[in-house]
Amino acid sequence: MADERCVHELVVGQCTDCAPVPRGLSARVFITGGGSVFHRSTACEGLLEGQRKARRFGLENHTPENIALAVALEKGKGACILCFPDYRPTPTAKRCLVRVNGAWVPGLLTQWRQGPDRRWSGVVRYAVNGEQVTTTKDQDELRPA
């Protein structure tokens, strides 16, 4: 039995234009050459802050490029938490609140870990000042959203 082909004559699921879009994302996204995440819009505060930060440090500013989601994923880009707050990269990821500099900000808990002291810590993603951060936080710095 031959593999089913899409309208572009490629195997279904391998075509970057026809591949199914994961829940919470969009088929086309914006990336920049210097960024590590993809965005829903060029008006994203995270994208704009990244460009302001690049200018402050004398780095090159890259024009946002609209590409297929599959291409962004192939390039190793992750989802901007500001643009895609409902996206779960894994089925076990959960929305949460993360304490950052004394304030609670929305985040995404991707993994729990228990240390030798039997305390839990979580691997979380959140955005602060327009920059996406992935770090490990102690259980006292996390709470349900």
N, C-alpha and C. Protein backbone atom coordinates (compact mmCIF):
# COMPACT_ATOMS: atom_id res chain seq x y z
N MET A 1 0.84 -1.18 0.00
CA MET A 1 0.00 0.00 0.00
C MET A 1 0.89 1.24 0.00
N ALA A 2 0.69 2.14 -0.93
CA ALA A 2 1.50 3.36 -1.04
C ALA A 2 1.13 4.34 0.07
N ASP A 3 2.12 5.15 0.48
CA ASP A 3 1.86 6.17 1.49
C ASP A 3 0.91 7.21 0.94
N GLU A 4 -0.01 7.66 1.77
CA GLU A 4 -0.95 8.70 1.36
C GLU A 4 -0.19 10.01 1.14
N ARG A 5 -0.54 10.72 0.06
CA ARG A 5 0.16 11.96 -0.31
C ARG A 5 -0.75 13.16 -0.11
N CYS A 6 -0.11 14.30 0.21
CA CYS A 6 -0.87 15.54 0.36
C CYS A 6 -0.98 16.24 -1.00
N VAL A 7 -1.58 17.42 -1.00
CA VAL A 7 -1.77 18.16 -2.25
C VAL A 7 -0.43 18.58 -2.88
N HIS A 8 0.65 18.53 -2.10
CA HIS A 8 1.97 18.90 -2.61
C HIS A 8 2.78 17.68 -3.06
N GLU A 9 2.09 16.51 -3.09
CA GLU A 9 2.69 15.24 -3.51
C GLU A 9 3.75 14.72 -2.53
N LEU A 10 3.65 15.15 -1.25
CA LEU A 10 4.54 14.65 -0.21
C LEU A 10 3.76 13.72 0.70
N VAL A 11 4.47 12.87 1.44
CA VAL A 11 3.82 11.96 2.37
C VAL A 11 3.11 12.78 3.44
N VAL A 12 1.84 12.44 3.69
CA VAL A 12 1.05 13.16 4.69
C VAL A 12 1.79 13.10 6.03
N GLY A 13 1.86 14.22 6.70
CA GLY A 13 2.56 14.32 7.98
C GLY A 13 3.99 14.77 7.84
N GLN A 14 4.54 14.73 6.61
CA GLN A 14 5.91 15.18 6.39
C GLN A 14 5.97 16.52 5.67
N CYS A 15 4.88 16.97 5.16
CA CYS A 15 4.82 18.23 4.44
C CYS A 15 4.70 19.37 5.46
N THR A 16 5.60 20.34 5.40
CA THR A 16 5.56 21.43 6.37
C THR A 16 4.32 22.29 6.22
N ASP A 17 3.71 22.30 5.04
CA ASP A 17 2.51 23.10 4.85
C ASP A 17 1.24 22.34 5.24
N CYS A 18 1.27 21.02 5.20
CA CYS A 18 0.07 20.23 5.45
C CYS A 18 0.10 19.46 6.78
N ALA A 19 1.24 19.48 7.48
CA ALA A 19 1.35 18.74 8.73
C ALA A 19 0.33 19.25 9.73
N PRO A 20 -0.26 18.35 10.53
CA PRO A 20 -1.24 18.79 11.52
C PRO A 20 -0.59 19.72 12.54
N VAL A 21 -1.32 20.74 12.93
CA VAL A 21 -0.82 21.73 13.88
C VAL A 21 -1.17 21.29 15.30
N PRO A 22 -0.17 21.20 16.20
CA PRO A 22 -0.47 20.81 17.58
C PRO A 22 -1.46 21.78 18.22
N ARG A 23 -2.29 21.26 19.10
CA ARG A 23 -3.29 22.07 19.79
C ARG A 23 -2.61 23.23 20.51
N GLY A 24 -3.15 24.43 20.34
CA GLY A 24 -2.63 25.61 21.00
C GLY A 24 -1.64 26.42 20.18
N LEU A 25 -1.27 25.91 18.99
CA LEU A 25 -0.32 26.62 18.13
C LEU A 25 -1.01 27.06 16.85
N SER A 26 -0.29 27.76 15.99
CA SER A 26 -0.83 28.15 14.69
C SER A 26 0.08 27.63 13.58
N ALA A 27 -0.47 27.45 12.40
CA ALA A 27 0.26 26.83 11.29
C ALA A 27 1.43 27.69 10.81
N ARG A 28 1.32 29.01 10.92
CA ARG A 28 2.39 29.91 10.50
C ARG A 28 2.79 30.75 11.70
N VAL A 29 4.07 30.96 11.86
CA VAL A 29 4.61 31.68 13.00
C VAL A 29 5.71 32.63 12.54
N PHE A 30 6.15 33.48 13.45
CA PHE A 30 7.22 34.43 13.15
C PHE A 30 8.46 34.07 13.97
N ILE A 31 9.62 34.11 13.33
CA ILE A 31 10.90 33.90 14.02
C ILE A 31 11.85 35.00 13.59
N THR A 32 12.92 35.17 14.36
CA THR A 32 14.01 36.04 13.96
C THR A 32 15.29 35.21 13.99
N GLY A 33 16.29 35.66 13.30
CA GLY A 33 17.55 34.93 13.24
C GLY A 33 18.23 34.80 14.59
N GLY A 34 18.01 35.74 15.49
CA GLY A 34 18.68 35.70 16.78
C GLY A 34 17.84 35.15 17.91
N GLY A 35 16.55 34.91 17.68
CA GLY A 35 15.67 34.47 18.75
C GLY A 35 15.63 32.97 18.92
N SER A 36 15.16 32.53 20.09
CA SER A 36 15.09 31.09 20.36
C SER A 36 13.66 30.56 20.35
N VAL A 37 12.68 31.47 20.19
CA VAL A 37 11.28 31.04 20.20
C VAL A 37 10.56 31.57 18.97
N PHE A 38 9.35 31.00 18.71
CA PHE A 38 8.52 31.50 17.62
C PHE A 38 7.32 32.21 18.21
N HIS A 39 6.78 33.16 17.43
CA HIS A 39 5.72 34.04 17.90
C HIS A 39 4.51 33.97 16.99
N ARG A 40 3.34 34.32 17.54
CA ARG A 40 2.11 34.38 16.77
C ARG A 40 2.06 35.64 15.91
N SER A 41 2.69 36.72 16.38
CA SER A 41 2.57 38.03 15.74
C SER A 41 3.86 38.82 15.91
N THR A 42 4.10 39.73 14.99
CA THR A 42 5.25 40.62 15.12
C THR A 42 5.01 41.69 16.18
N ALA A 43 3.79 41.76 16.70
CA ALA A 43 3.47 42.72 17.75
C ALA A 43 3.68 42.13 19.15
N CYS A 44 4.16 40.89 19.24
CA CYS A 44 4.39 40.24 20.52
C CYS A 44 5.39 41.05 21.34
N GLU A 45 5.04 41.31 22.60
CA GLU A 45 5.93 42.08 23.47
C GLU A 45 7.25 41.36 23.70
N GLY A 46 7.23 40.04 23.72
CA GLY A 46 8.47 39.28 23.87
C GLY A 46 9.40 39.47 22.68
N LEU A 47 8.85 39.43 21.50
CA LEU A 47 9.65 39.64 20.28
C LEU A 47 10.20 41.07 20.26
N LEU A 48 9.35 42.04 20.56
CA LEU A 48 9.78 43.45 20.54
C LEU A 48 10.84 43.72 21.60
N GLU A 49 10.68 43.13 22.79
CA GLU A 49 11.68 43.32 23.84
C GLU A 49 13.00 42.65 23.45
N GLY A 50 12.93 41.50 22.79
CA GLY A 50 14.15 40.85 22.32
C GLY A 50 14.89 41.73 21.33
N GLN A 51 14.17 42.40 20.46
CA GLN A 51 14.82 43.30 19.50
C GLN A 51 15.39 44.53 20.20
N ARG A 52 14.66 45.06 21.20
CA ARG A 52 15.20 46.21 21.96
C ARG A 52 16.48 45.81 22.69
N LYS A 53 16.46 44.62 23.27
CA LYS A 53 17.62 44.12 24.00
C LYS A 53 18.82 43.95 23.06
N ALA A 54 18.58 43.42 21.87
CA ALA A 54 19.66 43.26 20.89
C ALA A 54 20.26 44.62 20.55
N ARG A 55 19.41 45.62 20.35
CA ARG A 55 19.92 46.97 20.04
C ARG A 55 20.76 47.52 21.19
N ARG A 56 20.28 47.33 22.44
CA ARG A 56 21.02 47.82 23.60
C ARG A 56 22.41 47.22 23.68
N PHE A 57 22.56 45.97 23.28
CA PHE A 57 23.85 45.30 23.36
C PHE A 57 24.65 45.39 22.06
N GLY A 58 24.15 46.20 21.12
CA GLY A 58 24.87 46.39 19.87
C GLY A 58 24.83 45.19 18.95
N LEU A 59 23.85 44.31 19.14
CA LEU A 59 23.73 43.12 18.29
C LEU A 59 22.86 43.42 17.08
N GLU A 60 22.97 42.59 16.09
CA GLU A 60 22.18 42.75 14.87
C GLU A 60 20.71 42.50 15.16
N ASN A 61 19.84 43.32 14.60
CA ASN A 61 18.41 43.13 14.70
C ASN A 61 17.95 42.40 13.45
N HIS A 62 17.28 41.29 13.63
CA HIS A 62 16.80 40.50 12.51
C HIS A 62 15.33 40.77 12.26
N THR A 63 14.96 40.95 11.02
CA THR A 63 13.57 41.17 10.64
C THR A 63 12.79 39.88 10.87
N PRO A 64 11.63 39.95 11.54
CA PRO A 64 10.83 38.75 11.74
C PRO A 64 10.42 38.14 10.39
N GLU A 65 10.48 36.82 10.35
CA GLU A 65 10.17 36.08 9.13
C GLU A 65 8.96 35.18 9.41
N ASN A 66 7.97 35.22 8.53
CA ASN A 66 6.78 34.38 8.67
C ASN A 66 7.06 33.04 7.99
N ILE A 67 7.04 31.95 8.78
CA ILE A 67 7.35 30.62 8.24
C ILE A 67 6.34 29.61 8.76
N ALA A 68 6.37 28.42 8.18
CA ALA A 68 5.52 27.32 8.64
C ALA A 68 5.99 26.87 10.03
N LEU A 69 5.04 26.52 10.87
CA LEU A 69 5.36 26.04 12.22
C LEU A 69 6.36 24.89 12.17
N ALA A 70 6.17 23.95 11.25
CA ALA A 70 7.06 22.79 11.17
C ALA A 70 8.50 23.21 10.93
N VAL A 71 8.70 24.26 10.15
CA VAL A 71 10.06 24.75 9.88
C VAL A 71 10.66 25.34 11.15
N ALA A 72 9.86 26.11 11.89
CA ALA A 72 10.34 26.68 13.15
C ALA A 72 10.74 25.57 14.13
N LEU A 73 9.94 24.53 14.21
CA LEU A 73 10.25 23.41 15.10
C LEU A 73 11.52 22.69 14.65
N GLU A 74 11.68 22.52 13.34
CA GLU A 74 12.89 21.88 12.81
C GLU A 74 14.14 22.70 13.15
N LYS A 75 13.98 24.02 13.24
CA LYS A 75 15.11 24.90 13.58
C LYS A 75 15.38 24.92 15.08
N GLY A 76 14.60 24.16 15.84
CA GLY A 76 14.81 24.09 17.28
C GLY A 76 14.18 25.21 18.07
N LYS A 77 13.28 25.96 17.46
CA LYS A 77 12.62 27.07 18.16
C LYS A 77 11.51 26.53 19.05
N GLY A 78 11.30 27.15 20.19
CA GLY A 78 10.22 26.79 21.09
C GLY A 78 9.09 27.80 20.98
N ALA A 79 7.97 27.50 21.60
CA ALA A 79 6.81 28.40 21.56
C ALA A 79 6.97 29.52 22.56
N CYS A 80 6.71 30.75 22.14
CA CYS A 80 6.70 31.91 23.03
C CYS A 80 5.54 31.75 24.01
N ILE A 81 5.83 31.81 25.29
CA ILE A 81 4.79 31.61 26.29
C ILE A 81 3.79 32.76 26.30
N LEU A 82 4.20 33.95 25.85
CA LEU A 82 3.28 35.08 25.77
C LEU A 82 2.29 34.90 24.62
N CYS A 83 2.77 34.40 23.49
CA CYS A 83 1.92 34.21 22.31
C CYS A 83 1.04 32.97 22.40
N PHE A 84 1.56 31.92 23.02
CA PHE A 84 0.87 30.63 23.04
C PHE A 84 0.72 30.12 24.48
N PRO A 85 -0.02 30.87 25.33
CA PRO A 85 -0.11 30.48 26.75
C PRO A 85 -0.81 29.15 26.97
N ASP A 86 -1.62 28.69 26.02
CA ASP A 86 -2.36 27.43 26.21
C ASP A 86 -1.65 26.23 25.60
N TYR A 87 -0.49 26.44 24.97
CA TYR A 87 0.22 25.33 24.34
C TYR A 87 0.93 24.48 25.40
N ARG A 88 0.82 23.20 25.28
CA ARG A 88 1.50 22.25 26.17
C ARG A 88 2.48 21.43 25.34
N PRO A 89 3.80 21.63 25.52
CA PRO A 89 4.76 20.87 24.72
C PRO A 89 4.71 19.37 25.01
N THR A 90 4.25 19.01 26.19
CA THR A 90 4.07 17.60 26.54
C THR A 90 2.68 17.46 27.18
N PRO A 91 2.10 16.28 27.12
CA PRO A 91 0.76 16.10 27.71
C PRO A 91 0.74 16.39 29.21
N THR A 92 1.88 16.25 29.89
CA THR A 92 1.90 16.44 31.34
C THR A 92 2.18 17.89 31.75
N ALA A 93 2.51 18.77 30.81
CA ALA A 93 2.78 20.17 31.15
C ALA A 93 1.51 20.82 31.68
N LYS A 94 1.70 21.69 32.69
CA LYS A 94 0.55 22.34 33.32
C LYS A 94 0.83 23.83 33.50
N ARG A 95 -0.24 24.62 33.35
CA ARG A 95 -0.12 26.04 33.65
C ARG A 95 0.10 26.21 35.14
N CYS A 96 0.89 27.21 35.52
CA CYS A 96 1.16 27.45 36.92
C CYS A 96 1.49 28.93 37.12
N LEU A 97 1.71 29.29 38.38
CA LEU A 97 2.22 30.62 38.70
C LEU A 97 3.60 30.42 39.29
N VAL A 98 4.53 31.30 38.92
CA VAL A 98 5.92 31.21 39.34
C VAL A 98 6.28 32.49 40.07
N ARG A 99 6.89 32.36 41.25
CA ARG A 99 7.32 33.56 41.98
C ARG A 99 8.65 34.03 41.41
N VAL A 100 8.65 35.27 40.89
CA VAL A 100 9.84 35.87 40.30
C VAL A 100 10.00 37.25 40.92
N ASN A 101 11.08 37.47 41.62
CA ASN A 101 11.35 38.76 42.26
C ASN A 101 10.18 39.23 43.12
N GLY A 102 9.58 38.31 43.87
CA GLY A 102 8.50 38.65 44.78
C GLY A 102 7.11 38.74 44.16
N ALA A 103 7.00 38.60 42.84
CA ALA A 103 5.70 38.66 42.17
C ALA A 103 5.38 37.30 41.55
N TRP A 104 4.09 37.00 41.42
CA TRP A 104 3.65 35.76 40.78
C TRP A 104 3.37 36.03 39.31
N VAL A 105 4.02 35.28 38.42
CA VAL A 105 3.81 35.44 36.98
C VAL A 105 3.34 34.12 36.39
N PRO A 106 2.55 34.17 35.30
CA PRO A 106 2.09 32.92 34.67
C PRO A 106 3.26 32.14 34.09
N GLY A 107 3.19 30.84 34.22
CA GLY A 107 4.23 29.99 33.68
C GLY A 107 3.69 28.65 33.23
N LEU A 108 4.60 27.80 32.81
CA LEU A 108 4.25 26.46 32.35
C LEU A 108 5.20 25.48 33.04
N LEU A 109 4.63 24.61 33.86
CA LEU A 109 5.39 23.58 34.57
C LEU A 109 5.53 22.39 33.65
N THR A 110 6.75 22.04 33.27
CA THR A 110 6.95 20.93 32.33
C THR A 110 7.43 19.65 33.00
N GLN A 111 7.97 19.77 34.23
CA GLN A 111 8.47 18.55 34.89
C GLN A 111 8.64 18.78 36.39
N TRP A 112 8.26 17.78 37.19
CA TRP A 112 8.51 17.79 38.63
C TRP A 112 9.70 16.91 38.93
N ARG A 113 10.50 17.31 39.90
CA ARG A 113 11.65 16.50 40.35
C ARG A 113 11.68 16.50 41.87
N GLN A 114 12.00 15.35 42.46
CA GLN A 114 12.15 15.29 43.91
C GLN A 114 13.62 15.11 44.22
N GLY A 115 14.13 15.99 45.08
CA GLY A 115 15.55 15.95 45.44
C GLY A 115 15.81 14.98 46.58
N PRO A 116 17.11 14.78 46.89
CA PRO A 116 17.48 13.87 47.98
C PRO A 116 16.91 14.32 49.33
N ASP A 117 16.62 15.62 49.46
CA ASP A 117 16.03 16.15 50.70
C ASP A 117 14.52 15.96 50.73
N ARG A 118 13.99 15.28 49.70
CA ARG A 118 12.57 14.97 49.54
C ARG A 118 11.72 16.19 49.22
N ARG A 119 12.36 17.33 48.93
CA ARG A 119 11.63 18.51 48.48
C ARG A 119 11.46 18.43 46.97
N TRP A 120 10.35 19.00 46.50
CA TRP A 120 10.07 19.00 45.07
C TRP A 120 10.54 20.30 44.44
N SER A 121 10.94 20.19 43.20
CA SER A 121 11.24 21.38 42.39
C SER A 121 10.63 21.13 41.02
N GLY A 122 10.37 22.20 40.32
CA GLY A 122 9.74 22.07 39.01
C GLY A 122 10.53 22.80 37.94
N VAL A 123 10.60 22.18 36.77
CA VAL A 123 11.17 22.84 35.60
C VAL A 123 10.04 23.66 35.00
N VAL A 124 10.24 24.97 34.90
CA VAL A 124 9.19 25.87 34.46
C VAL A 124 9.69 26.80 33.37
N ARG A 125 8.72 27.26 32.56
CA ARG A 125 8.96 28.30 31.56
C ARG A 125 8.05 29.46 31.88
N TYR A 126 8.59 30.66 31.81
CA TYR A 126 7.79 31.87 32.03
C TYR A 126 8.47 33.02 31.31
N ALA A 127 7.76 34.12 31.19
CA ALA A 127 8.31 35.30 30.53
C ALA A 127 8.39 36.42 31.55
N VAL A 128 9.52 37.12 31.54
CA VAL A 128 9.70 38.28 32.40
C VAL A 128 10.44 39.34 31.58
N ASN A 129 9.91 40.56 31.60
CA ASN A 129 10.46 41.65 30.80
C ASN A 129 10.58 41.27 29.33
N GLY A 130 9.61 40.52 28.83
CA GLY A 130 9.59 40.14 27.43
C GLY A 130 10.55 39.02 27.07
N GLU A 131 11.26 38.47 28.03
CA GLU A 131 12.23 37.41 27.75
C GLU A 131 11.72 36.10 28.33
N GLN A 132 11.78 35.04 27.54
CA GLN A 132 11.33 33.73 28.01
C GLN A 132 12.46 33.06 28.79
N VAL A 133 12.11 32.53 29.95
CA VAL A 133 13.08 31.90 30.84
C VAL A 133 12.65 30.46 31.07
N THR A 134 13.60 29.54 31.04
CA THR A 134 13.38 28.15 31.45
C THR A 134 14.34 27.88 32.59
N THR A 135 13.80 27.48 33.74
CA THR A 135 14.64 27.26 34.91
C THR A 135 13.97 26.26 35.85
N THR A 136 14.66 25.91 36.91
CA THR A 136 14.11 25.04 37.95
C THR A 136 13.81 25.90 39.17
N LYS A 137 12.62 25.74 39.71
CA LYS A 137 12.19 26.50 40.88
C LYS A 137 11.77 25.54 42.00
N ASP A 138 12.05 25.93 43.24
CA ASP A 138 11.64 25.17 44.41
C ASP A 138 10.11 25.14 44.52
N GLN A 139 9.59 24.13 45.18
CA GLN A 139 8.14 23.97 45.32
C GLN A 139 7.48 25.21 45.93
N ASP A 140 8.18 25.94 46.81
CA ASP A 140 7.61 27.13 47.44
C ASP A 140 7.47 28.30 46.45
N GLU A 141 8.13 28.21 45.32
CA GLU A 141 8.07 29.29 44.33
C GLU A 141 7.08 28.97 43.19
N LEU A 142 6.30 27.91 43.38
CA LEU A 142 5.31 27.48 42.36
C LEU A 142 3.96 27.28 43.00
N ARG A 143 2.91 27.59 42.25
CA ARG A 143 1.55 27.28 42.72
C ARG A 143 0.65 27.10 41.51
N PRO A 144 -0.49 26.45 41.69
CA PRO A 144 -1.41 26.21 40.57
C PRO A 144 -1.92 27.54 40.00
N ALA A 145 -2.19 27.55 38.72
CA ALA A 145 -2.72 28.77 38.07
C ALA A 145 -4.21 28.86 38.30
